[in-house]
């Protein structure tokens, strides 16, 4: 697995993601602010998010320009 920092705007949330973790965004945001990313966001070859939608939204809320992918 290759992990690299990618610009947030290149990532595409999966449109049919069945999970709604809006309530968890603030907690994840606080965790990222305190500890950083402990796990990268997982994407497919087209940069569609497979795992990490809540982390992506938290990073956006924090105003981060890049995230580990």
N, C-alpha and C. Protein backbone atom coordinates (compact mmCIF):
# COMPACT_ATOMS: atom_id res chain seq x y z
N UNK A 1 0.85 -1.18 0.00
CA UNK A 1 0.00 0.00 0.00
C UNK A 1 0.89 1.23 0.00
N UNK A 2 0.55 2.17 -0.85
CA UNK A 2 1.27 3.43 -0.94
C UNK A 2 0.40 4.51 -0.34
N UNK A 3 0.96 5.25 0.63
CA UNK A 3 0.22 6.35 1.25
C UNK A 3 0.92 7.65 0.86
N UNK A 4 0.13 8.58 0.37
CA UNK A 4 0.66 9.88 -0.05
C UNK A 4 -0.34 10.97 0.32
N UNK A 5 0.15 12.18 0.50
CA UNK A 5 -0.75 13.30 0.75
C UNK A 5 -1.35 13.76 -0.57
N UNK A 6 -2.66 13.91 -0.57
CA UNK A 6 -3.38 14.32 -1.78
C UNK A 6 -4.20 15.57 -1.47
N UNK A 7 -4.36 16.45 -2.45
CA UNK A 7 -5.25 17.60 -2.25
C UNK A 7 -6.69 17.12 -2.04
N UNK A 8 -7.34 17.71 -1.07
CA UNK A 8 -8.72 17.32 -0.74
C UNK A 8 -9.64 17.41 -1.95
N UNK A 9 -9.45 18.43 -2.77
CA UNK A 9 -10.38 18.63 -3.89
C UNK A 9 -10.29 17.53 -4.95
N UNK A 10 -9.25 16.70 -4.91
CA UNK A 10 -9.14 15.59 -5.87
C UNK A 10 -9.97 14.38 -5.46
N UNK A 11 -10.36 14.31 -4.18
CA UNK A 11 -11.10 13.15 -3.68
C UNK A 11 -12.59 13.31 -3.97
N UNK A 12 -13.20 12.20 -4.37
CA UNK A 12 -14.62 12.19 -4.73
C UNK A 12 -15.36 11.27 -3.76
N UNK A 13 -16.23 11.83 -2.92
CA UNK A 13 -17.00 10.96 -2.03
C UNK A 13 -17.87 10.00 -2.85
N UNK A 14 -17.97 8.77 -2.38
CA UNK A 14 -18.81 7.78 -3.05
C UNK A 14 -20.26 8.21 -2.91
N UNK A 15 -20.92 8.42 -4.02
CA UNK A 15 -22.28 8.97 -4.04
C UNK A 15 -23.30 8.07 -3.35
N UNK A 16 -23.06 6.76 -3.35
CA UNK A 16 -24.04 5.84 -2.76
C UNK A 16 -23.59 5.32 -1.40
N UNK A 17 -22.76 6.08 -0.71
CA UNK A 17 -22.31 5.69 0.62
C UNK A 17 -23.53 5.55 1.54
N UNK A 18 -23.76 4.36 2.10
CA UNK A 18 -24.95 4.14 2.91
C UNK A 18 -24.86 4.73 4.33
N UNK A 19 -23.67 5.11 4.75
CA UNK A 19 -23.51 5.60 6.12
C UNK A 19 -23.73 7.10 6.19
N UNK A 20 -24.35 7.52 7.27
CA UNK A 20 -24.50 8.95 7.56
C UNK A 20 -23.88 9.20 8.92
N UNK A 21 -22.64 9.66 8.92
CA UNK A 21 -21.90 9.88 10.16
C UNK A 21 -21.75 11.37 10.48
N UNK A 22 -22.71 12.16 10.06
CA UNK A 22 -22.63 13.60 10.29
C UNK A 22 -22.41 13.92 11.76
N UNK A 23 -23.04 13.19 12.65
CA UNK A 23 -22.91 13.45 14.08
C UNK A 23 -21.50 13.17 14.60
N UNK A 24 -20.73 12.39 13.88
CA UNK A 24 -19.38 12.03 14.33
C UNK A 24 -18.30 12.99 13.83
N UNK A 25 -18.65 13.90 12.93
CA UNK A 25 -17.64 14.77 12.32
C UNK A 25 -16.90 15.60 13.35
N UNK A 26 -17.60 16.18 14.33
CA UNK A 26 -16.92 17.00 15.33
C UNK A 26 -15.93 16.19 16.17
N UNK A 27 -16.29 14.98 16.53
CA UNK A 27 -15.38 14.13 17.31
C UNK A 27 -14.16 13.74 16.49
N UNK A 28 -14.37 13.41 15.23
CA UNK A 28 -13.25 13.05 14.35
C UNK A 28 -12.37 14.28 14.10
N UNK A 29 -13.00 15.41 13.94
CA UNK A 29 -12.26 16.67 13.75
C UNK A 29 -11.35 16.94 14.95
N UNK A 30 -11.88 16.76 16.16
CA UNK A 30 -11.08 16.96 17.37
C UNK A 30 -9.92 15.96 17.44
N UNK A 31 -10.18 14.73 17.05
CA UNK A 31 -9.14 13.70 17.06
C UNK A 31 -8.03 14.03 16.07
N UNK A 32 -8.40 14.44 14.87
CA UNK A 32 -7.39 14.79 13.86
C UNK A 32 -6.58 15.99 14.33
N UNK A 33 -7.24 16.97 14.93
CA UNK A 33 -6.54 18.17 15.41
C UNK A 33 -5.54 17.81 16.50
N UNK A 34 -5.90 16.87 17.36
CA UNK A 34 -5.02 16.51 18.48
C UNK A 34 -3.95 15.50 18.10
N UNK A 35 -4.33 14.48 17.33
CA UNK A 35 -3.42 13.37 17.06
C UNK A 35 -2.96 13.25 15.61
N UNK A 36 -3.59 13.98 14.71
CA UNK A 36 -3.31 13.82 13.29
C UNK A 36 -4.05 12.61 12.75
N UNK A 37 -3.77 12.26 11.53
CA UNK A 37 -4.42 11.10 10.91
C UNK A 37 -3.74 9.83 11.40
N UNK A 38 -4.51 8.91 11.92
CA UNK A 38 -3.99 7.61 12.36
C UNK A 38 -4.18 6.56 11.27
N UNK A 39 -5.06 6.85 10.33
CA UNK A 39 -5.36 5.93 9.23
C UNK A 39 -5.65 6.77 7.99
N UNK A 40 -5.06 6.42 6.85
CA UNK A 40 -5.32 7.21 5.65
C UNK A 40 -6.72 6.96 5.10
N UNK A 41 -7.15 7.83 4.24
CA UNK A 41 -8.40 7.65 3.51
C UNK A 41 -8.11 6.69 2.36
N UNK A 42 -8.99 5.73 2.14
CA UNK A 42 -8.80 4.73 1.10
C UNK A 42 -9.65 5.11 -0.11
N UNK A 43 -8.99 5.15 -1.28
CA UNK A 43 -9.68 5.51 -2.52
C UNK A 43 -9.43 4.45 -3.59
N UNK A 44 -10.26 4.47 -4.62
CA UNK A 44 -10.02 3.58 -5.76
C UNK A 44 -9.17 4.31 -6.79
N UNK A 45 -8.96 3.71 -7.93
CA UNK A 45 -8.09 4.29 -8.95
C UNK A 45 -8.63 5.59 -9.55
N UNK A 46 -9.91 5.85 -9.35
CA UNK A 46 -10.51 7.09 -9.86
C UNK A 46 -10.61 8.16 -8.77
N UNK A 47 -10.00 7.90 -7.62
CA UNK A 47 -9.99 8.80 -6.46
C UNK A 47 -11.35 8.91 -5.76
N UNK A 48 -12.18 7.89 -5.94
CA UNK A 48 -13.47 7.82 -5.23
C UNK A 48 -13.21 7.21 -3.86
N UNK A 49 -13.72 7.85 -2.82
CA UNK A 49 -13.50 7.40 -1.45
C UNK A 49 -14.22 6.07 -1.22
N UNK A 50 -13.46 5.09 -0.74
CA UNK A 50 -14.01 3.79 -0.37
C UNK A 50 -14.21 3.75 1.14
N UNK A 51 -13.20 4.18 1.88
CA UNK A 51 -13.24 4.21 3.34
C UNK A 51 -12.68 5.56 3.80
N UNK A 52 -13.43 6.25 4.66
CA UNK A 52 -12.91 7.49 5.23
C UNK A 52 -13.73 8.73 4.94
N UNK A 53 -15.01 8.55 4.64
CA UNK A 53 -15.87 9.70 4.35
C UNK A 53 -15.93 10.67 5.53
N UNK A 54 -16.02 10.16 6.75
CA UNK A 54 -16.11 11.03 7.92
C UNK A 54 -14.79 11.76 8.13
N UNK A 55 -13.67 11.07 7.95
CA UNK A 55 -12.36 11.72 8.05
C UNK A 55 -12.21 12.82 7.00
N UNK A 56 -12.70 12.56 5.80
CA UNK A 56 -12.64 13.57 4.75
C UNK A 56 -13.45 14.80 5.13
N UNK A 57 -14.66 14.61 5.61
CA UNK A 57 -15.50 15.75 6.01
C UNK A 57 -14.88 16.51 7.19
N UNK A 58 -14.29 15.78 8.13
CA UNK A 58 -13.62 16.43 9.27
C UNK A 58 -12.42 17.25 8.78
N UNK A 59 -11.66 16.71 7.84
CA UNK A 59 -10.51 17.44 7.31
C UNK A 59 -10.96 18.70 6.58
N UNK A 60 -12.05 18.62 5.84
CA UNK A 60 -12.59 19.81 5.18
C UNK A 60 -12.99 20.85 6.21
N UNK A 61 -13.65 20.42 7.30
CA UNK A 61 -14.08 21.33 8.35
C UNK A 61 -12.89 21.99 9.04
N UNK A 62 -11.78 21.27 9.10
CA UNK A 62 -10.56 21.83 9.70
C UNK A 62 -9.81 22.77 8.74
N UNK A 63 -10.23 22.78 7.48
CA UNK A 63 -9.58 23.62 6.50
C UNK A 63 -8.27 23.07 5.97
N UNK A 64 -8.09 21.75 6.08
CA UNK A 64 -6.86 21.14 5.59
C UNK A 64 -6.83 21.14 4.05
N UNK A 65 -5.67 21.34 3.49
CA UNK A 65 -5.52 21.35 2.04
C UNK A 65 -5.25 19.96 1.49
N UNK A 66 -4.57 19.12 2.29
CA UNK A 66 -4.24 17.76 1.85
C UNK A 66 -4.58 16.76 2.95
N UNK A 67 -4.75 15.52 2.54
CA UNK A 67 -5.00 14.41 3.49
C UNK A 67 -4.21 13.19 3.03
N UNK A 68 -3.85 12.31 3.98
CA UNK A 68 -3.17 11.08 3.57
C UNK A 68 -4.15 10.11 2.91
N UNK A 69 -3.72 9.60 1.77
CA UNK A 69 -4.57 8.69 0.97
C UNK A 69 -3.75 7.48 0.60
